[in-house]
Amino acid sequence: MNNWLVFAIAFAATAAVLLATVAANVYPREPVHKPYWDNPQARQKIITDASSIGVLASRGQQGVVVLGYRDQLNGTNRAELLTTIKEVLDAARGYTVYIAPWATDNATKAYLSLLYDGRLSLEDYLKGVVINSTAISPRVEQALALAGTIAQTYGTYQPLGGAPQAQIPPIYVAVFRNDTSYVVYEPFTLGRDRTYTDWLQWVKTAFENLRQGQGKVTP
């Protein structure tokens, strides 16, 4: 009986504290953490930045797609990269698509600058046409910064026992449909993807899922 009496007293005290707390409006009315699809300001800023930084690849009515990746002129898998880009552009028909490549070496930075400045057409770029240049456009570094922003906004994760972090992948797609606030972010993921072709299959699946209505009801 003594145990029941102690329990009853403790329960009554806890209930009194909770009621007082709620009455004082200490607990917020909304959750502290909101999911990314409830952040329209971040979404709009990314779309705006992509439209000013990226190269327009196509126009469409379904939404906006940002395709970012690291390019390297002497990369052994560059042919696969260019083929993958063409496949993504094909899968993204019906969307407005911006591509935003970046590089870490000066030769490729200067080459990409030709694309950004309009001195190299997207068609020739995708064919692998190489033109020498030395001038570097600031949009190359801006594309890398955009990749970082998108990764932080949509790809941040927290390892067990660690701090939140976001890694910039070698290639990614971000899909912003007009009929939903849900955003699809598909980065190249180490441990899952070994090649661009591996990653491409996930991207195609994401576009197909969107066509079938995924995200129209916010998760």
C-alpha atoms as a PDB file:
ATOM      1  CA  MET A   1       0.000   0.000   0.000  1.00  0.00           C
ATOM      2  CA  ASN A   2       2.855   2.372   0.778  1.00  0.00           C
ATOM      3  CA  ASN A   3       4.166   1.953  -2.776  1.00  0.00           C
ATOM      4  CA  TRP A   4       0.753   2.789  -4.245  1.00  0.00           C
ATOM      5  CA  LEU A   5       0.512   5.841  -2.027  1.00  0.00           C
ATOM      6  CA  VAL A   6       3.928   7.082  -3.121  1.00  0.00           C
ATOM      7  CA  PHE A   7       3.009   6.479  -6.791  1.00  0.00           C
ATOM      8  CA  ALA A   8      -0.262   8.399  -6.426  1.00  0.00           C
ATOM      9  CA  ILE A   9       1.468  11.363  -4.813  1.00  0.00           C
ATOM     10  CA  ALA A  10       4.183  11.410  -7.509  1.00  0.00           C
ATOM     11  CA  PHE A  11       1.617  11.182 -10.282  1.00  0.00           C
ATOM     12  CA  ALA A  12      -0.417  14.034  -8.854  1.00  0.00           C
ATOM     13  CA  ALA A  13       2.688  16.216  -8.539  1.00  0.00           C
ATOM     14  CA  THR A  14       3.785  15.490 -12.138  1.00  0.00           C
ATOM     15  CA  ALA A  15       0.312  16.236 -13.473  1.00  0.00           C
ATOM     16  CA  ALA A  16       0.252  19.538 -11.608  1.00  0.00           C
ATOM     17  CA  VAL A  17       3.620  20.570 -13.094  1.00  0.00           C
ATOM     18  CA  LEU A  18       2.539  19.650 -16.626  1.00  0.00           C
ATOM     19  CA  LEU A  19      -0.718  21.566 -16.333  1.00  0.00           C
ATOM     20  CA  ALA A  20       1.119  24.611 -15.026  1.00  0.00           C
ATOM     21  CA  THR A  21       3.659  24.404 -17.836  1.00  0.00           C
ATOM     22  CA  VAL A  22       1.008  24.183 -20.540  1.00  0.00           C
ATOM     23  CA  ALA A  23      -0.975  26.987 -18.947  1.00  0.00           C
ATOM     24  CA  ALA A  24       2.146  29.164 -18.938  1.00  0.00           C
ATOM     25  CA  ASN A  25       2.636  28.346 -22.656  1.00  0.00           C
ATOM     26  CA  VAL A  26       6.214  27.149 -22.049  1.00  0.00           C
ATOM     27  CA  TYR A  27       5.939  24.357 -24.621  1.00  0.00           C
ATOM     28  CA  PRO A  28       5.997  25.699 -28.215  1.00  0.00           C
ATOM     29  CA  ARG A  29       2.974  25.155 -30.391  1.00  0.00           C
ATOM     30  CA  GLU A  30       5.109  23.851 -33.270  1.00  0.00           C
ATOM     31  CA  PRO A  31       7.945  21.315 -33.367  1.00  0.00           C
ATOM     32  CA  VAL A  32      11.450  22.724 -32.982  1.00  0.00           C
ATOM     33  CA  HIS A  33      12.649  20.898 -36.099  1.00  0.00           C
ATOM     34  CA  LYS A  34      10.748  21.298 -39.328  1.00  0.00           C
ATOM     35  CA  PRO A  35      11.318  19.007 -42.320  1.00  0.00           C
ATOM     36  CA  TYR A  36      13.003  20.573 -45.348  1.00  0.00           C
ATOM     37  CA  TRP A  37       9.827  20.610 -47.420  1.00  0.00           C
ATOM     38  CA  ASP A  38       8.444  23.158 -44.962  1.00  0.00           C
ATOM     39  CA  ASN A  39      11.205  25.610 -45.906  1.00  0.00           C
ATOM     40  CA  PRO A  40       9.961  27.355 -49.061  1.00  0.00           C
ATOM     41  CA  GLN A  41      12.452  30.213 -48.634  1.00  0.00           C
ATOM     42  CA  ALA A  42      15.435  27.869 -48.947  1.00  0.00           C
ATOM     43  CA  ARG A  43      13.807  26.142 -51.910  1.00  0.00           C
ATOM     44  CA  GLN A  44      13.193  29.406 -53.752  1.00  0.00           C
ATOM     45  CA  LYS A  45      16.707  30.698 -53.084  1.00  0.00           C
ATOM     46  CA  ILE A  46      18.253  27.535 -54.497  1.00  0.00           C
ATOM     47  CA  ILE A  47      16.093  27.745 -57.613  1.00  0.00           C
ATOM     48  CA  THR A  48      16.966  31.431 -58.050  1.00  0.00           C
ATOM     49  CA  ASP A  49      20.692  30.784 -57.577  1.00  0.00           C
ATOM     50  CA  ALA A  50      20.597  27.842 -59.993  1.00  0.00           C
ATOM     51  CA  SER A  51      18.939  29.989 -62.662  1.00  0.00           C
ATOM     52  CA  SER A  52      21.647  32.647 -62.380  1.00  0.00           C
ATOM     53  CA  ILE A  53      24.628  30.298 -61.987  1.00  0.00           C
ATOM     54  CA  GLY A  54      23.755  27.257 -64.074  1.00  0.00           C
ATOM     55  CA  VAL A  55      23.558  26.689 -67.797  1.00  0.00           C
ATOM     56  CA  LEU A  56      19.998  26.377 -69.092  1.00  0.00           C
ATOM     57  CA  ALA A  57      19.667  22.956 -70.725  1.00  0.00           C
ATOM     58  CA  SER A  58      15.901  22.819 -71.323  1.00  0.00           C
ATOM     59  CA  ARG A  59      12.594  24.440 -70.405  1.00  0.00           C
ATOM     60  CA  GLY A  60       9.460  22.753 -69.109  1.00  0.00           C
ATOM     61  CA  GLN A  61       6.308  23.256 -67.079  1.00  0.00           C
ATOM     62  CA  GLN A  62       6.637  20.502 -64.471  1.00  0.00           C
ATOM     63  CA  GLY A  63       9.252  22.167 -62.310  1.00  0.00           C
ATOM     64  CA  VAL A  64      12.980  22.803 -62.005  1.00  0.00           C
ATOM     65  CA  VAL A  65      15.856  20.326 -62.025  1.00  0.00           C
ATOM     66  CA  VAL A  66      19.391  21.184 -60.939  1.00  0.00           C
ATOM     67  CA  LEU A  67      22.129  18.845 -62.149  1.00  0.00           C
ATOM     68  CA  GLY A  68      25.503  19.513 -60.581  1.00  0.00           C
ATOM     69  CA  TYR A  69      28.742  17.568 -60.893  1.00  0.00           C
ATOM     70  CA  ARG A  70      32.519  17.756 -60.826  1.00  0.00           C
ATOM     71  CA  ASP A  71      34.113  17.686 -64.264  1.00  0.00           C
ATOM     72  CA  GLN A  72      37.720  16.840 -65.110  1.00  0.00           C
ATOM     73  CA  LEU A  73      39.070  17.000 -68.630  1.00  0.00           C
ATOM     74  CA  ASN A  74      41.578  14.211 -68.119  1.00  0.00           C
ATOM     75  CA  GLY A  75      39.269  12.055 -66.001  1.00  0.00           C
ATOM     76  CA  THR A  76      39.355   8.395 -67.015  1.00  0.00           C
ATOM     77  CA  ASN A  77      35.565   8.118 -66.676  1.00  0.00           C
ATOM     78  CA  ARG A  78      34.677  11.410 -68.378  1.00  0.00           C
ATOM     79  CA  ALA A  79      33.023   9.664 -71.331  1.00  0.00           C
ATOM     80  CA  GLU A  80      30.730   7.872 -68.893  1.00  0.00           C
ATOM     81  CA  LEU A  81      30.029  11.190 -67.151  1.00  0.00           C
ATOM     82  CA  LEU A  82      28.956  12.883 -70.395  1.00  0.00           C
ATOM     83  CA  THR A  83      26.754   9.922 -71.310  1.00  0.00           C
ATOM     84  CA  THR A  84      25.173  10.042 -67.863  1.00  0.00           C
ATOM     85  CA  ILE A  85      24.437  13.765 -68.219  1.00  0.00           C
ATOM     86  CA  LYS A  86      22.659  13.123 -71.519  1.00  0.00           C
ATOM     87  CA  GLU A  87      20.600  10.366 -69.879  1.00  0.00           C
ATOM     88  CA  VAL A  88      19.593  12.643 -66.997  1.00  0.00           C
ATOM     89  CA  LEU A  89      18.549  15.384 -69.429  1.00  0.00           C
ATOM     90  CA  ASP A  90      16.428  12.846 -71.274  1.00  0.00           C
ATOM     91  CA  ALA A  91      14.819  11.618 -68.030  1.00  0.00           C
ATOM     92  CA  ALA A  92      14.093  15.226 -67.038  1.00  0.00           C
ATOM     93  CA  ARG A  93      12.031  16.065 -70.120  1.00  0.00           C
ATOM     94  CA  GLY A  94       9.193  18.369 -69.154  1.00  0.00           C
ATOM     95  CA  TYR A  95      11.282  20.225 -66.558  1.00  0.00           C
ATOM     96  CA  THR A  96      13.373  23.361 -66.724  1.00  0.00           C
ATOM     97  CA  VAL A  97      16.888  22.006 -66.258  1.00  0.00           C
ATOM     98  CA  TYR A  98      20.016  23.860 -65.181  1.00  0.00           C
ATOM     99  CA  ILE A  99      23.391  22.160 -65.190  1.00  0.00           C
ATOM    100  CA  ALA A 100      26.003  23.480 -62.774  1.00  0.00           C
ATOM    101  CA  PRO A 101      29.389  21.763 -63.196  1.00  0.00           C
ATOM    102  CA  TRP A 102      32.482  22.683 -61.213  1.00  0.00           C
ATOM    103  CA  ALA A 103      36.126  21.621 -61.270  1.00  0.00           C
ATOM    104  CA  THR A 104      39.175  21.514 -59.018  1.00  0.00           C
ATOM    105  CA  ASP A 105      41.914  21.969 -61.640  1.00  0.00           C
ATOM    106  CA  ASN A 106      42.495  25.210 -63.546  1.00  0.00           C
ATOM    107  CA  ALA A 107      42.414  23.648 -67.012  1.00  0.00           C
ATOM    108  CA  THR A 108      38.925  22.247 -66.490  1.00  0.00           C
ATOM    109  CA  LYS A 109      37.783  25.431 -64.732  1.00  0.00           C
ATOM    110  CA  ALA A 110      38.807  27.454 -67.797  1.00  0.00           C
ATOM    111  CA  TYR A 111      37.125  24.930 -70.099  1.00  0.00           C
ATOM    112  CA  LEU A 112      33.872  25.051 -68.124  1.00  0.00           C
ATOM    113  CA  SER A 113      34.053  28.842 -68.237  1.00  0.00           C
ATOM    114  CA  LEU A 114      33.621  28.625 -72.009  1.00  0.00           C
ATOM    115  CA  LEU A 115      30.359  26.763 -71.409  1.00  0.00           C
ATOM    116  CA  TYR A 116      29.179  29.203 -68.768  1.00  0.00           C
ATOM    117  CA  ASP A 117      30.042  32.233 -70.906  1.00  0.00           C
ATOM    118  CA  GLY A 118      28.321  30.824 -73.993  1.00  0.00           C
ATOM    119  CA  ARG A 119      31.500  30.376 -76.045  1.00  0.00           C
ATOM    120  CA  LEU A 120      31.016  26.598 -76.009  1.00  0.00           C
ATOM    121  CA  SER A 121      27.565  25.252 -76.818  1.00  0.00           C
ATOM    122  CA  LEU A 122      25.990  22.634 -74.595  1.00  0.00           C
ATOM    123  CA  GLU A 123      25.665  20.369 -77.619  1.00  0.00           C
ATOM    124  CA  ASP A 124      29.406  20.515 -78.327  1.00  0.00           C
ATOM    125  CA  TYR A 125      30.201  20.162 -74.644  1.00  0.00           C
ATOM    126  CA  LEU A 126      28.198  16.947 -74.433  1.00  0.00           C
ATOM    127  CA  LYS A 127      29.954  15.674 -77.554  1.00  0.00           C
ATOM    128  CA  GLY A 128      33.270  16.085 -75.774  1.00  0.00           C
ATOM    129  CA  VAL A 129      34.554  18.936 -77.946  1.00  0.00           C
ATOM    130  CA  VAL A 130      37.557  20.462 -76.188  1.00  0.00           C
ATOM    131  CA  ILE A 131      38.642  24.079 -76.643  1.00  0.00           C
ATOM    132  CA  ASN A 132      41.608  25.567 -74.830  1.00  0.00           C
ATOM    133  CA  SER A 133      41.129  28.622 -72.648  1.00  0.00           C
ATOM    134  CA  THR A 134      42.756  30.344 -69.672  1.00  0.00           C
ATOM    135  CA  ALA A 135      40.119  32.721 -68.307  1.00  0.00           C
ATOM    136  CA  ILE A 136      38.067  31.350 -65.404  1.00  0.00           C
ATOM    137  CA  SER A 137      34.480  32.414 -64.791  1.00  0.00           C
ATOM    138  CA  PRO A 138      33.360  32.957 -61.180  1.00  0.00           C
ATOM    139  CA  ARG A 139      30.348  30.773 -61.961  1.00  0.00           C
ATOM    140  CA  VAL A 140      32.558  27.686 -61.696  1.00  0.00           C
ATOM    141  CA  GLU A 141      33.210  28.328 -58.000  1.00  0.00           C
ATOM    142  CA  GLN A 142      29.616  29.469 -57.553  1.00  0.00           C
ATOM    143  CA  ALA A 143      28.467  26.082 -58.853  1.00  0.00           C
ATOM    144  CA  LEU A 144      30.547  24.364 -56.185  1.00  0.00           C
ATOM    145  CA  ALA A 145      29.053  26.643 -53.536  1.00  0.00           C
ATOM    146  CA  LEU A 146      25.580  25.831 -54.847  1.00  0.00           C
ATOM    147  CA  ALA A 147      26.335  22.115 -54.527  1.00  0.00           C
ATOM    148  CA  GLY A 148      27.329  22.729 -50.920  1.00  0.00           C
ATOM    149  CA  THR A 149      24.155  24.661 -50.175  1.00  0.00           C
ATOM    150  CA  ILE A 150      21.952  21.957 -51.678  1.00  0.00           C
ATOM    151  CA  ALA A 151      23.832  19.237 -49.789  1.00  0.00           C
ATOM    152  CA  GLN A 152      23.424  21.112 -46.489  1.00  0.00           C
ATOM    153  CA  THR A 153      19.740  21.812 -47.135  1.00  0.00           C
ATOM    154  CA  TYR A 154      18.664  18.382 -48.355  1.00  0.00           C
ATOM    155  CA  GLY A 155      21.494  15.968 -47.575  1.00  0.00           C
ATOM    156  CA  THR A 156      22.603  16.693 -44.024  1.00  0.00           C
ATOM    157  CA  TYR A 157      22.909  13.601 -41.849  1.00  0.00           C
ATOM    158  CA  GLN A 158      24.183  12.872 -38.350  1.00  0.00           C
ATOM    159  CA  PRO A 159      26.448   9.868 -37.778  1.00  0.00           C
ATOM    160  CA  LEU A 160      25.939   7.940 -34.555  1.00  0.00           C
ATOM    161  CA  GLY A 161      27.687   9.888 -31.851  1.00  0.00           C
ATOM    162  CA  GLY A 162      28.848  12.584 -34.271  1.00  0.00           C
ATOM    163  CA  ALA A 163      27.917  16.075 -35.371  1.00  0.00           C
ATOM    164  CA  PRO A 164      25.605  16.839 -38.313  1.00  0.00           C
ATOM    165  CA  GLN A 165      27.476  16.941 -41.607  1.00  0.00           C
ATOM    166  CA  ALA A 166      26.876  17.245 -45.319  1.00  0.00           C
ATOM    167  CA  GLN A 167      29.227  16.027 -48.024  1.00  0.00           C
ATOM    168  CA  ILE A 168      29.351  17.421 -51.536  1.00  0.00           C
ATOM    169  CA  PRO A 169      28.933  14.453 -53.900  1.00  0.00           C
ATOM    170  CA  PRO A 170      30.715  14.193 -57.269  1.00  0.00           C
ATOM    171  CA  ILE A 171      27.304  14.399 -58.982  1.00  0.00           C
ATOM    172  CA  TYR A 172      23.764  15.129 -57.817  1.00  0.00           C
ATOM    173  CA  VAL A 173      20.264  15.938 -58.990  1.00  0.00           C
ATOM    174  CA  ALA A 174      17.736  18.090 -57.151  1.00  0.00           C
ATOM    175  CA  VAL A 175      14.151  18.050 -58.434  1.00  0.00           C
ATOM    176  CA  PHE A 176      11.671  20.802 -57.526  1.00  0.00           C
ATOM    177  CA  ARG A 177       8.208  19.987 -58.868  1.00  0.00           C
ATOM    178  CA  ASN A 178       5.596  22.718 -59.208  1.00  0.00           C
ATOM    179  CA  ASP A 179       2.772  20.591 -57.786  1.00  0.00           C
ATOM    180  CA  THR A 180       4.394  19.717 -54.438  1.00  0.00           C
ATOM    181  CA  SER A 181       6.728  21.195 -51.833  1.00  0.00           C
ATOM    182  CA  TYR A 182       8.477  17.812 -51.594  1.00  0.00           C
ATOM    183  CA  VAL A 183      12.009  17.948 -53.008  1.00  0.00           C
ATOM    184  CA  VAL A 184      13.913  14.989 -54.429  1.00  0.00           C
ATOM    185  CA  TYR A 185      17.659  15.153 -53.798  1.00  0.00           C
ATOM    186  CA  GLU A 186      19.622  12.286 -55.299  1.00  0.00           C
ATOM    187  CA  PRO A 187      23.386  12.490 -54.652  1.00  0.00           C
ATOM    188  CA  PHE A 188      26.021   9.998 -55.715  1.00  0.00           C
ATOM    189  CA  THR A 189      26.396   7.889 -52.579  1.00  0.00           C
ATOM    190  CA  LEU A 190      29.583   6.062 -51.685  1.00  0.00           C
ATOM    191  CA  GLY A 191      28.927   2.488 -50.680  1.00  0.00           C
ATOM    192  CA  ARG A 192      25.823   2.367 -52.827  1.00  0.00           C
ATOM    193  CA  ASP A 193      27.127   3.706 -56.156  1.00  0.00           C
ATOM    194  CA  ARG A 194      30.368   2.594 -57.767  1.00  0.00           C
ATOM    195  CA  THR A 195      29.903   4.292 -61.124  1.00  0.00           C
ATOM    196  CA  TYR A 196      27.851   7.063 -62.696  1.00  0.00           C
ATOM    197  CA  THR A 197      25.748   4.353 -64.285  1.00  0.00           C
ATOM    198  CA  ASP A 198      24.877   2.949 -60.846  1.00  0.00           C
ATOM    199  CA  TRP A 199      23.795   6.395 -59.706  1.00  0.00           C
ATOM    200  CA  LEU A 200      21.800   6.989 -62.899  1.00  0.00           C
ATOM    201  CA  GLN A 201      19.459   4.102 -62.133  1.00  0.00           C
ATOM    202  CA  TRP A 202      18.411   5.770 -58.868  1.00  0.00           C
ATOM    203  CA  VAL A 203      17.813   9.049 -60.683  1.00  0.00           C
ATOM    204  CA  LYS A 204      15.622   7.408 -63.312  1.00  0.00           C
ATOM    205  CA  THR A 205      13.654   5.661 -60.566  1.00  0.00           C
ATOM    206  CA  ALA A 206      13.161   8.998 -58.787  1.00  0.00           C
ATOM    207  CA  PHE A 207      11.757  10.651 -61.909  1.00  0.00           C
ATOM    208  CA  GLU A 208       9.457   7.713 -62.538  1.00  0.00           C
ATOM    209  CA  ASN A 209       8.199   7.812 -58.947  1.00  0.00           C
ATOM    210  CA  LEU A 210       7.466  11.510 -59.313  1.00  0.00           C
ATOM    211  CA  ARG A 211       5.519  10.860 -62.493  1.00  0.00           C
ATOM    212  CA  GLN A 212       3.412   8.371 -60.544  1.00  0.00           C
ATOM    213  CA  GLY A 213       2.554  10.977 -57.921  1.00  0.00           C
ATOM    214  CA  GLN A 214       5.196  10.619 -55.226  1.00  0.00           C
ATOM    215  CA  GLY A 215       5.351  13.680 -53.026  1.00  0.00           C
ATOM    216  CA  LYS A 216       1.996  15.177 -54.016  1.00  0.00           C
ATOM    217  CA  VAL A 217       0.877  14.428 -50.476  1.00  0.00           C
ATOM    218  CA  THR A 218       3.536  15.891 -48.203  1.00  0.00           C
ATOM    219  CA  PRO A 219       5.102  13.098 -46.109  1.00  0.00           C
END
